[in-house]
Every structure is written in C-alpha cells, then in structure tokens.
N, C-alpha and C. Protein backbone atom coordinates (compact mmCIF):
# COMPACT_ATOMS: atom_id res chain seq x y z
N MET A 1 22.16 -19.36 13.42
CA MET A 1 21.65 -20.64 12.96
C MET A 1 21.90 -20.74 11.45
N PRO A 2 22.30 -21.89 10.96
CA PRO A 2 22.57 -22.06 9.53
C PRO A 2 21.30 -21.85 8.68
N VAL A 3 21.50 -21.34 7.47
CA VAL A 3 20.40 -21.04 6.56
C VAL A 3 19.54 -22.27 6.33
N LYS A 4 20.14 -23.43 6.14
CA LYS A 4 19.37 -24.64 5.86
C LYS A 4 18.38 -24.93 7.00
N GLU A 5 18.82 -24.76 8.25
CA GLU A 5 17.93 -24.99 9.40
C GLU A 5 16.81 -23.95 9.45
N LEU A 6 17.13 -22.71 9.12
CA LEU A 6 16.10 -21.67 9.11
C LEU A 6 15.05 -21.96 8.05
N LEU A 7 15.49 -22.40 6.88
CA LEU A 7 14.54 -22.73 5.82
C LEU A 7 13.66 -23.90 6.24
N GLU A 8 14.23 -24.89 6.90
CA GLU A 8 13.44 -26.03 7.40
C GLU A 8 12.41 -25.58 8.42
N ARG A 9 12.83 -24.70 9.33
CA ARG A 9 11.89 -24.18 10.33
C ARG A 9 10.76 -23.42 9.65
N ALA A 10 11.09 -22.64 8.62
CA ALA A 10 10.05 -21.90 7.90
C ALA A 10 9.06 -22.88 7.27
N LEU A 11 9.56 -23.98 6.71
CA LEU A 11 8.68 -24.99 6.12
C LEU A 11 7.77 -25.63 7.15
N GLN A 12 8.22 -25.67 8.39
CA GLN A 12 7.42 -26.23 9.48
C GLN A 12 6.48 -25.19 10.09
N MET A 13 6.45 -24.01 9.48
CA MET A 13 5.59 -22.90 9.91
C MET A 13 6.02 -22.35 11.28
N ASP A 14 7.26 -22.53 11.64
CA ASP A 14 7.80 -21.92 12.85
C ASP A 14 8.00 -20.43 12.60
N TYR A 15 7.72 -19.63 13.59
CA TYR A 15 7.99 -18.21 13.47
C TYR A 15 9.49 -17.99 13.55
N LEU A 16 9.98 -17.08 12.72
CA LEU A 16 11.39 -16.70 12.73
C LEU A 16 11.51 -15.31 13.33
N THR A 17 12.61 -15.08 14.01
CA THR A 17 12.86 -13.75 14.57
C THR A 17 13.27 -12.81 13.45
N ALA A 18 13.28 -11.54 13.75
CA ALA A 18 13.74 -10.55 12.78
C ALA A 18 15.19 -10.83 12.39
N GLU A 19 16.00 -11.19 13.37
CA GLU A 19 17.41 -11.50 13.09
C GLU A 19 17.54 -12.71 12.16
N GLU A 20 16.69 -13.72 12.37
CA GLU A 20 16.72 -14.89 11.50
C GLU A 20 16.26 -14.53 10.09
N GLY A 21 15.29 -13.63 10.01
CA GLY A 21 14.85 -13.15 8.70
C GLY A 21 15.96 -12.42 7.96
N VAL A 22 16.70 -11.60 8.68
CA VAL A 22 17.84 -10.91 8.08
C VAL A 22 18.88 -11.91 7.61
N GLU A 23 19.12 -12.94 8.40
CA GLU A 23 20.06 -13.99 8.01
C GLU A 23 19.65 -14.62 6.68
N LEU A 24 18.36 -14.92 6.54
CA LEU A 24 17.88 -15.49 5.27
C LEU A 24 18.00 -14.47 4.14
N PHE A 25 17.65 -13.25 4.41
CA PHE A 25 17.72 -12.20 3.40
C PHE A 25 19.14 -12.05 2.88
N GLU A 26 20.09 -12.09 3.78
CA GLU A 26 21.48 -11.86 3.40
C GLU A 26 22.17 -13.09 2.84
N ASN A 27 21.71 -14.31 3.22
CA ASN A 27 22.50 -15.49 2.89
C ASN A 27 21.77 -16.60 2.14
N ALA A 28 20.47 -16.60 2.11
CA ALA A 28 19.76 -17.66 1.38
C ALA A 28 19.70 -17.30 -0.10
N SER A 29 19.68 -18.31 -0.93
CA SER A 29 19.58 -18.05 -2.37
C SER A 29 18.15 -17.63 -2.71
N THR A 30 18.02 -16.86 -3.77
CA THR A 30 16.69 -16.45 -4.23
C THR A 30 15.85 -17.67 -4.56
N ALA A 31 16.47 -18.66 -5.20
CA ALA A 31 15.72 -19.87 -5.57
C ALA A 31 15.18 -20.57 -4.33
N ASP A 32 15.99 -20.68 -3.27
CA ASP A 32 15.51 -21.32 -2.04
C ASP A 32 14.37 -20.52 -1.42
N LEU A 33 14.50 -19.21 -1.39
CA LEU A 33 13.44 -18.38 -0.81
C LEU A 33 12.15 -18.49 -1.62
N MET A 34 12.27 -18.54 -2.94
CA MET A 34 11.08 -18.70 -3.79
C MET A 34 10.42 -20.05 -3.53
N TYR A 35 11.20 -21.08 -3.42
CA TYR A 35 10.68 -22.43 -3.18
C TYR A 35 9.94 -22.48 -1.84
N ILE A 36 10.58 -21.97 -0.80
CA ILE A 36 9.98 -21.99 0.53
C ILE A 36 8.72 -21.12 0.55
N GLY A 37 8.81 -19.93 -0.08
CA GLY A 37 7.65 -19.05 -0.13
C GLY A 37 6.47 -19.71 -0.82
N ASN A 38 6.72 -20.42 -1.90
CA ASN A 38 5.65 -21.11 -2.62
C ASN A 38 5.05 -22.23 -1.75
N LYS A 39 5.89 -22.97 -1.06
CA LYS A 39 5.39 -24.03 -0.18
C LYS A 39 4.51 -23.44 0.93
N ILE A 40 4.94 -22.34 1.51
CA ILE A 40 4.17 -21.70 2.57
C ILE A 40 2.84 -21.17 2.01
N LYS A 41 2.89 -20.59 0.80
CA LYS A 41 1.65 -20.12 0.16
C LYS A 41 0.67 -21.27 -0.01
N TRP A 42 1.14 -22.45 -0.46
CA TRP A 42 0.27 -23.60 -0.64
C TRP A 42 -0.34 -24.03 0.69
N HIS A 43 0.42 -23.87 1.78
CA HIS A 43 -0.11 -24.21 3.11
C HIS A 43 -1.28 -23.30 3.46
N HIS A 44 -1.12 -22.01 3.20
CA HIS A 44 -2.15 -21.03 3.57
C HIS A 44 -3.26 -20.93 2.53
N VAL A 45 -2.97 -21.25 1.28
CA VAL A 45 -3.95 -21.13 0.19
C VAL A 45 -3.94 -22.45 -0.58
N PRO A 46 -4.47 -23.52 0.03
CA PRO A 46 -4.36 -24.85 -0.59
C PRO A 46 -5.09 -24.97 -1.93
N HIS A 47 -6.10 -24.15 -2.16
CA HIS A 47 -6.82 -24.20 -3.44
C HIS A 47 -6.05 -23.47 -4.53
N ASN A 48 -4.97 -22.78 -4.15
CA ASN A 48 -4.07 -22.06 -5.07
C ASN A 48 -4.76 -20.95 -5.85
N LYS A 49 -5.85 -20.42 -5.31
CA LYS A 49 -6.51 -19.30 -5.97
C LYS A 49 -5.99 -18.01 -5.35
N VAL A 50 -5.02 -17.44 -6.00
CA VAL A 50 -4.41 -16.20 -5.53
C VAL A 50 -4.76 -15.11 -6.54
N THR A 51 -5.25 -14.01 -6.06
CA THR A 51 -5.66 -12.93 -6.95
C THR A 51 -4.89 -11.66 -6.62
N TRP A 52 -4.98 -10.71 -7.49
CA TRP A 52 -4.37 -9.41 -7.27
C TRP A 52 -5.21 -8.37 -7.97
N ILE A 53 -4.93 -7.13 -7.65
CA ILE A 53 -5.70 -6.02 -8.19
C ILE A 53 -4.72 -4.90 -8.54
N ILE A 54 -5.00 -4.22 -9.62
CA ILE A 54 -4.20 -3.04 -9.98
C ILE A 54 -4.86 -1.85 -9.30
N ASP A 55 -4.08 -1.13 -8.51
CA ASP A 55 -4.61 0.05 -7.86
C ASP A 55 -3.60 1.18 -7.96
N ARG A 56 -3.99 2.30 -7.44
CA ARG A 56 -3.14 3.47 -7.48
C ARG A 56 -3.29 4.23 -6.17
N ASN A 57 -2.16 4.71 -5.65
CA ASN A 57 -2.19 5.58 -4.47
C ASN A 57 -2.29 7.02 -4.94
N SER A 58 -3.10 7.78 -4.26
CA SER A 58 -3.22 9.20 -4.54
C SER A 58 -3.31 9.94 -3.21
N ASN A 59 -2.61 11.03 -3.13
CA ASN A 59 -2.60 11.81 -1.89
C ASN A 59 -3.72 12.85 -1.91
N THR A 60 -4.53 12.85 -0.88
CA THR A 60 -5.58 13.86 -0.77
C THR A 60 -4.97 15.23 -0.51
N THR A 61 -3.93 15.25 0.30
CA THR A 61 -3.27 16.51 0.67
C THR A 61 -1.88 16.20 1.22
N ASN A 62 -1.01 17.18 1.14
CA ASN A 62 0.29 17.04 1.81
C ASN A 62 0.35 17.90 3.06
N VAL A 63 -0.76 18.57 3.37
CA VAL A 63 -0.81 19.39 4.58
C VAL A 63 -0.99 18.47 5.78
N CYS A 64 -0.13 18.65 6.79
CA CYS A 64 -0.20 17.77 7.95
C CYS A 64 0.35 18.48 9.18
N ILE A 65 -0.29 18.17 10.30
CA ILE A 65 0.15 18.75 11.58
C ILE A 65 0.59 17.67 12.56
N ALA A 66 0.80 16.45 12.08
CA ALA A 66 1.14 15.34 12.99
C ALA A 66 2.59 15.37 13.45
N ASN A 67 3.48 16.00 12.70
CA ASN A 67 4.89 16.09 13.06
C ASN A 67 5.58 14.74 13.20
N CYS A 68 5.26 13.79 12.35
CA CYS A 68 5.96 12.49 12.38
C CYS A 68 7.43 12.73 12.02
N LYS A 69 8.32 12.17 12.79
CA LYS A 69 9.75 12.43 12.61
C LYS A 69 10.31 11.84 11.32
N PHE A 70 9.66 10.82 10.76
CA PHE A 70 10.19 10.14 9.58
C PHE A 70 9.71 10.74 8.26
N CYS A 71 8.78 11.67 8.30
CA CYS A 71 8.10 12.12 7.08
C CYS A 71 8.79 13.33 6.45
N ASN A 72 9.12 13.20 5.18
CA ASN A 72 9.63 14.32 4.39
C ASN A 72 8.57 14.85 3.44
N PHE A 73 7.39 14.29 3.51
CA PHE A 73 6.33 14.56 2.57
C PHE A 73 5.49 15.79 2.96
N TYR A 74 5.23 15.96 4.22
CA TYR A 74 4.22 16.92 4.65
C TYR A 74 4.67 18.38 4.51
N ARG A 75 3.68 19.23 4.45
CA ARG A 75 3.89 20.68 4.52
C ARG A 75 2.92 21.22 5.56
N ARG A 76 3.35 22.24 6.26
CA ARG A 76 2.51 22.88 7.27
C ARG A 76 1.39 23.66 6.57
N PRO A 77 0.28 23.89 7.27
CA PRO A 77 -0.79 24.71 6.69
C PRO A 77 -0.25 26.06 6.20
N LYS A 78 -0.72 26.48 5.05
CA LYS A 78 -0.36 27.76 4.42
C LYS A 78 1.05 27.78 3.81
N HIS A 79 1.76 26.65 3.83
CA HIS A 79 3.07 26.58 3.17
C HIS A 79 2.87 26.76 1.67
N LYS A 80 3.84 27.38 0.98
CA LYS A 80 3.69 27.65 -0.45
C LYS A 80 3.57 26.38 -1.29
N GLU A 81 4.05 25.23 -0.78
CA GLU A 81 3.95 23.97 -1.51
C GLU A 81 2.77 23.09 -1.05
N ALA A 82 1.95 23.63 -0.14
CA ALA A 82 0.80 22.87 0.36
C ALA A 82 -0.24 22.71 -0.74
N TYR A 83 -0.90 21.55 -0.75
CA TYR A 83 -1.96 21.34 -1.72
C TYR A 83 -3.03 20.41 -1.17
N VAL A 84 -4.19 20.52 -1.78
CA VAL A 84 -5.29 19.57 -1.63
C VAL A 84 -5.63 19.15 -3.06
N THR A 85 -5.65 17.86 -3.32
CA THR A 85 -5.90 17.37 -4.66
C THR A 85 -7.32 17.74 -5.10
N THR A 86 -7.43 18.23 -6.32
CA THR A 86 -8.71 18.67 -6.87
C THR A 86 -9.39 17.53 -7.65
N ILE A 87 -10.67 17.69 -7.91
CA ILE A 87 -11.40 16.69 -8.69
C ILE A 87 -10.79 16.55 -10.10
N PRO A 88 -10.45 17.62 -10.80
CA PRO A 88 -9.80 17.43 -12.11
C PRO A 88 -8.48 16.62 -12.00
N GLU A 89 -7.74 16.82 -10.94
CA GLU A 89 -6.50 16.03 -10.75
C GLU A 89 -6.83 14.57 -10.49
N TYR A 90 -7.87 14.33 -9.67
CA TYR A 90 -8.30 12.94 -9.46
C TYR A 90 -8.75 12.31 -10.77
N ARG A 91 -9.50 13.06 -11.57
CA ARG A 91 -9.99 12.53 -12.85
C ARG A 91 -8.82 12.08 -13.72
N GLU A 92 -7.79 12.89 -13.78
CA GLU A 92 -6.62 12.53 -14.58
C GLU A 92 -5.99 11.24 -14.07
N LYS A 93 -5.84 11.14 -12.76
CA LYS A 93 -5.23 9.94 -12.17
C LYS A 93 -6.11 8.70 -12.36
N ILE A 94 -7.41 8.86 -12.18
CA ILE A 94 -8.33 7.72 -12.28
C ILE A 94 -8.48 7.28 -13.74
N ASP A 95 -8.55 8.24 -14.65
CA ASP A 95 -8.62 7.88 -16.07
C ASP A 95 -7.38 7.07 -16.48
N GLU A 96 -6.22 7.51 -16.02
CA GLU A 96 -4.99 6.76 -16.32
C GLU A 96 -5.04 5.37 -15.69
N LEU A 97 -5.51 5.30 -14.45
CA LEU A 97 -5.64 4.01 -13.76
C LEU A 97 -6.51 3.06 -14.58
N PHE A 98 -7.66 3.52 -15.04
CA PHE A 98 -8.56 2.67 -15.83
C PHE A 98 -7.92 2.28 -17.16
N ARG A 99 -7.22 3.21 -17.80
CA ARG A 99 -6.55 2.88 -19.07
C ARG A 99 -5.54 1.75 -18.89
N LEU A 100 -4.94 1.68 -17.71
CA LEU A 100 -3.92 0.66 -17.43
C LEU A 100 -4.53 -0.62 -16.84
N GLY A 101 -5.85 -0.70 -16.78
CA GLY A 101 -6.51 -1.90 -16.29
C GLY A 101 -6.77 -1.91 -14.80
N GLY A 102 -6.53 -0.80 -14.14
CA GLY A 102 -6.76 -0.73 -12.71
C GLY A 102 -8.20 -0.48 -12.37
N GLU A 103 -8.52 -0.65 -11.09
CA GLU A 103 -9.91 -0.46 -10.66
C GLU A 103 -10.04 0.09 -9.25
N GLN A 104 -8.93 0.34 -8.57
CA GLN A 104 -9.02 0.77 -7.17
C GLN A 104 -8.11 1.96 -6.91
N LEU A 105 -8.65 2.96 -6.21
CA LEU A 105 -7.89 4.13 -5.81
C LEU A 105 -7.71 4.10 -4.30
N LEU A 106 -6.46 4.18 -3.88
CA LEU A 106 -6.14 4.22 -2.46
C LEU A 106 -5.82 5.66 -2.10
N LEU A 107 -6.60 6.22 -1.19
CA LEU A 107 -6.41 7.61 -0.81
C LEU A 107 -5.63 7.68 0.50
N GLN A 108 -4.63 8.53 0.49
CA GLN A 108 -3.82 8.73 1.69
C GLN A 108 -3.43 10.19 1.74
N GLY A 109 -2.91 10.60 2.84
CA GLY A 109 -2.49 11.99 2.94
C GLY A 109 -2.29 12.42 4.37
N GLY A 110 -2.01 13.69 4.50
CA GLY A 110 -1.69 14.24 5.80
C GLY A 110 -2.91 14.51 6.66
N HIS A 111 -2.62 14.93 7.87
CA HIS A 111 -3.67 15.32 8.83
C HIS A 111 -3.90 16.82 8.68
N HIS A 112 -4.71 17.15 7.70
CA HIS A 112 -5.01 18.56 7.41
C HIS A 112 -6.00 19.07 8.45
N PRO A 113 -5.65 20.14 9.15
CA PRO A 113 -6.53 20.59 10.25
C PRO A 113 -7.87 21.15 9.79
N ASP A 114 -7.98 21.52 8.51
CA ASP A 114 -9.21 22.13 8.02
C ASP A 114 -10.10 21.17 7.25
N LEU A 115 -9.66 19.94 7.04
CA LEU A 115 -10.46 18.97 6.28
C LEU A 115 -11.10 17.99 7.25
N GLY A 116 -12.36 18.16 7.48
CA GLY A 116 -13.07 17.29 8.41
C GLY A 116 -13.71 16.12 7.71
N LEU A 117 -14.49 15.38 8.45
CA LEU A 117 -15.15 14.18 7.93
C LEU A 117 -16.03 14.50 6.72
N GLN A 118 -16.72 15.62 6.75
CA GLN A 118 -17.61 15.97 5.64
C GLN A 118 -16.84 16.13 4.33
N PHE A 119 -15.63 16.68 4.40
CA PHE A 119 -14.80 16.82 3.20
C PHE A 119 -14.59 15.46 2.54
N TYR A 120 -14.24 14.45 3.36
CA TYR A 120 -13.96 13.12 2.82
C TYR A 120 -15.24 12.43 2.36
N CYS A 121 -16.33 12.61 3.07
CA CYS A 121 -17.62 12.05 2.63
C CYS A 121 -18.01 12.64 1.27
N ASP A 122 -17.86 13.95 1.12
CA ASP A 122 -18.18 14.60 -0.15
C ASP A 122 -17.24 14.14 -1.26
N LEU A 123 -15.97 14.03 -0.94
CA LEU A 123 -14.99 13.57 -1.93
C LEU A 123 -15.32 12.17 -2.42
N PHE A 124 -15.56 11.25 -1.49
CA PHE A 124 -15.89 9.87 -1.87
C PHE A 124 -17.17 9.82 -2.69
N SER A 125 -18.20 10.58 -2.29
CA SER A 125 -19.47 10.61 -3.01
C SER A 125 -19.28 11.14 -4.42
N GLU A 126 -18.51 12.19 -4.56
CA GLU A 126 -18.30 12.77 -5.89
C GLU A 126 -17.51 11.81 -6.78
N LEU A 127 -16.45 11.21 -6.24
CA LEU A 127 -15.67 10.26 -7.05
C LEU A 127 -16.52 9.06 -7.47
N LYS A 128 -17.35 8.57 -6.56
CA LYS A 128 -18.21 7.43 -6.89
C LYS A 128 -19.30 7.82 -7.89
N SER A 129 -19.77 9.07 -7.87
CA SER A 129 -20.77 9.49 -8.85
C SER A 129 -20.15 9.60 -10.23
N ILE A 130 -18.90 10.02 -10.31
CA ILE A 130 -18.21 10.12 -11.60
C ILE A 130 -17.76 8.75 -12.09
N TYR A 131 -17.29 7.91 -11.15
CA TYR A 131 -16.76 6.58 -11.48
C TYR A 131 -17.47 5.53 -10.61
N PRO A 132 -18.67 5.11 -10.98
CA PRO A 132 -19.43 4.18 -10.14
C PRO A 132 -18.72 2.85 -9.90
N ASN A 133 -17.87 2.41 -10.81
CA ASN A 133 -17.19 1.12 -10.65
C ASN A 133 -15.85 1.22 -9.94
N LEU A 134 -15.44 2.43 -9.58
CA LEU A 134 -14.17 2.63 -8.88
C LEU A 134 -14.26 2.07 -7.49
N LYS A 135 -13.25 1.30 -7.11
CA LYS A 135 -13.15 0.83 -5.72
C LYS A 135 -12.30 1.83 -4.97
N LEU A 136 -12.84 2.31 -3.86
CA LEU A 136 -12.11 3.27 -3.03
C LEU A 136 -11.61 2.57 -1.78
C-alpha cells in the first residue's frame, strides 16, 4: 500500500500491520511521521498535557537461571562475573540520578535462585529509608 494511504489510515486511527509499519519506517519522511504522530497524540491527549520523568535502570543482579535464549547479560550462580548490587553501589547510582534531576529508579535483573521476596522487600525498605523521595 502506498505511504500516503498508510498515513491517512493512521490519521483515521486504523490499526496498521507490522508490515505496514515497516513500510512507513522505510519509506515515509521523518516530517510526515512527526506530523502524523503529533496528530495522533492530540487525539489521545486532547488537553496536550504530556509529562515525562527522568529515571535510571539499575540491575539488582546478573545472576539468572532462566536460560532465555536472547540474553547475553546473565551469569550462572557462582560464576566469577556474578554480582548482586550493593547498597553503596545503589547510593552512587541514585546520587548521580538526583544530581541529574532524576527521581525514579527502575530495578531489573536476573532470576537469582538465592534472592527471595524478603531480599527485595529489605532492599526497597532500605533504599526508601535512605532516599524517602525516590520513586521505585
């Protein structure tokens, strides 16, 4: 389907297939995509109040037993490069986040077989006691 027709369909809030999205990605001009994207945003957010937040991702651990085929990040338990992030390391990351105007820490990491729910409850409690205004 021609790009012009796909852009018109997008303006009409028609769903596009993945293939049609690729067609736009490869052949539509950036200016056209920005224009259409802005029009769609106005449809969904008519008051035009769009906000954003500065946050930071931090890994709790790289130890994982999930065996996801796509992941190059994980290390098996007891691997020489395995780690669990410490409170001093979090402090360094969070202090930098605050210096840069951020306010939210996103925690992610592997499926560590030895870190249960209590570990994460304690971690969140300790981080919130040190940084009461931090969004987790």
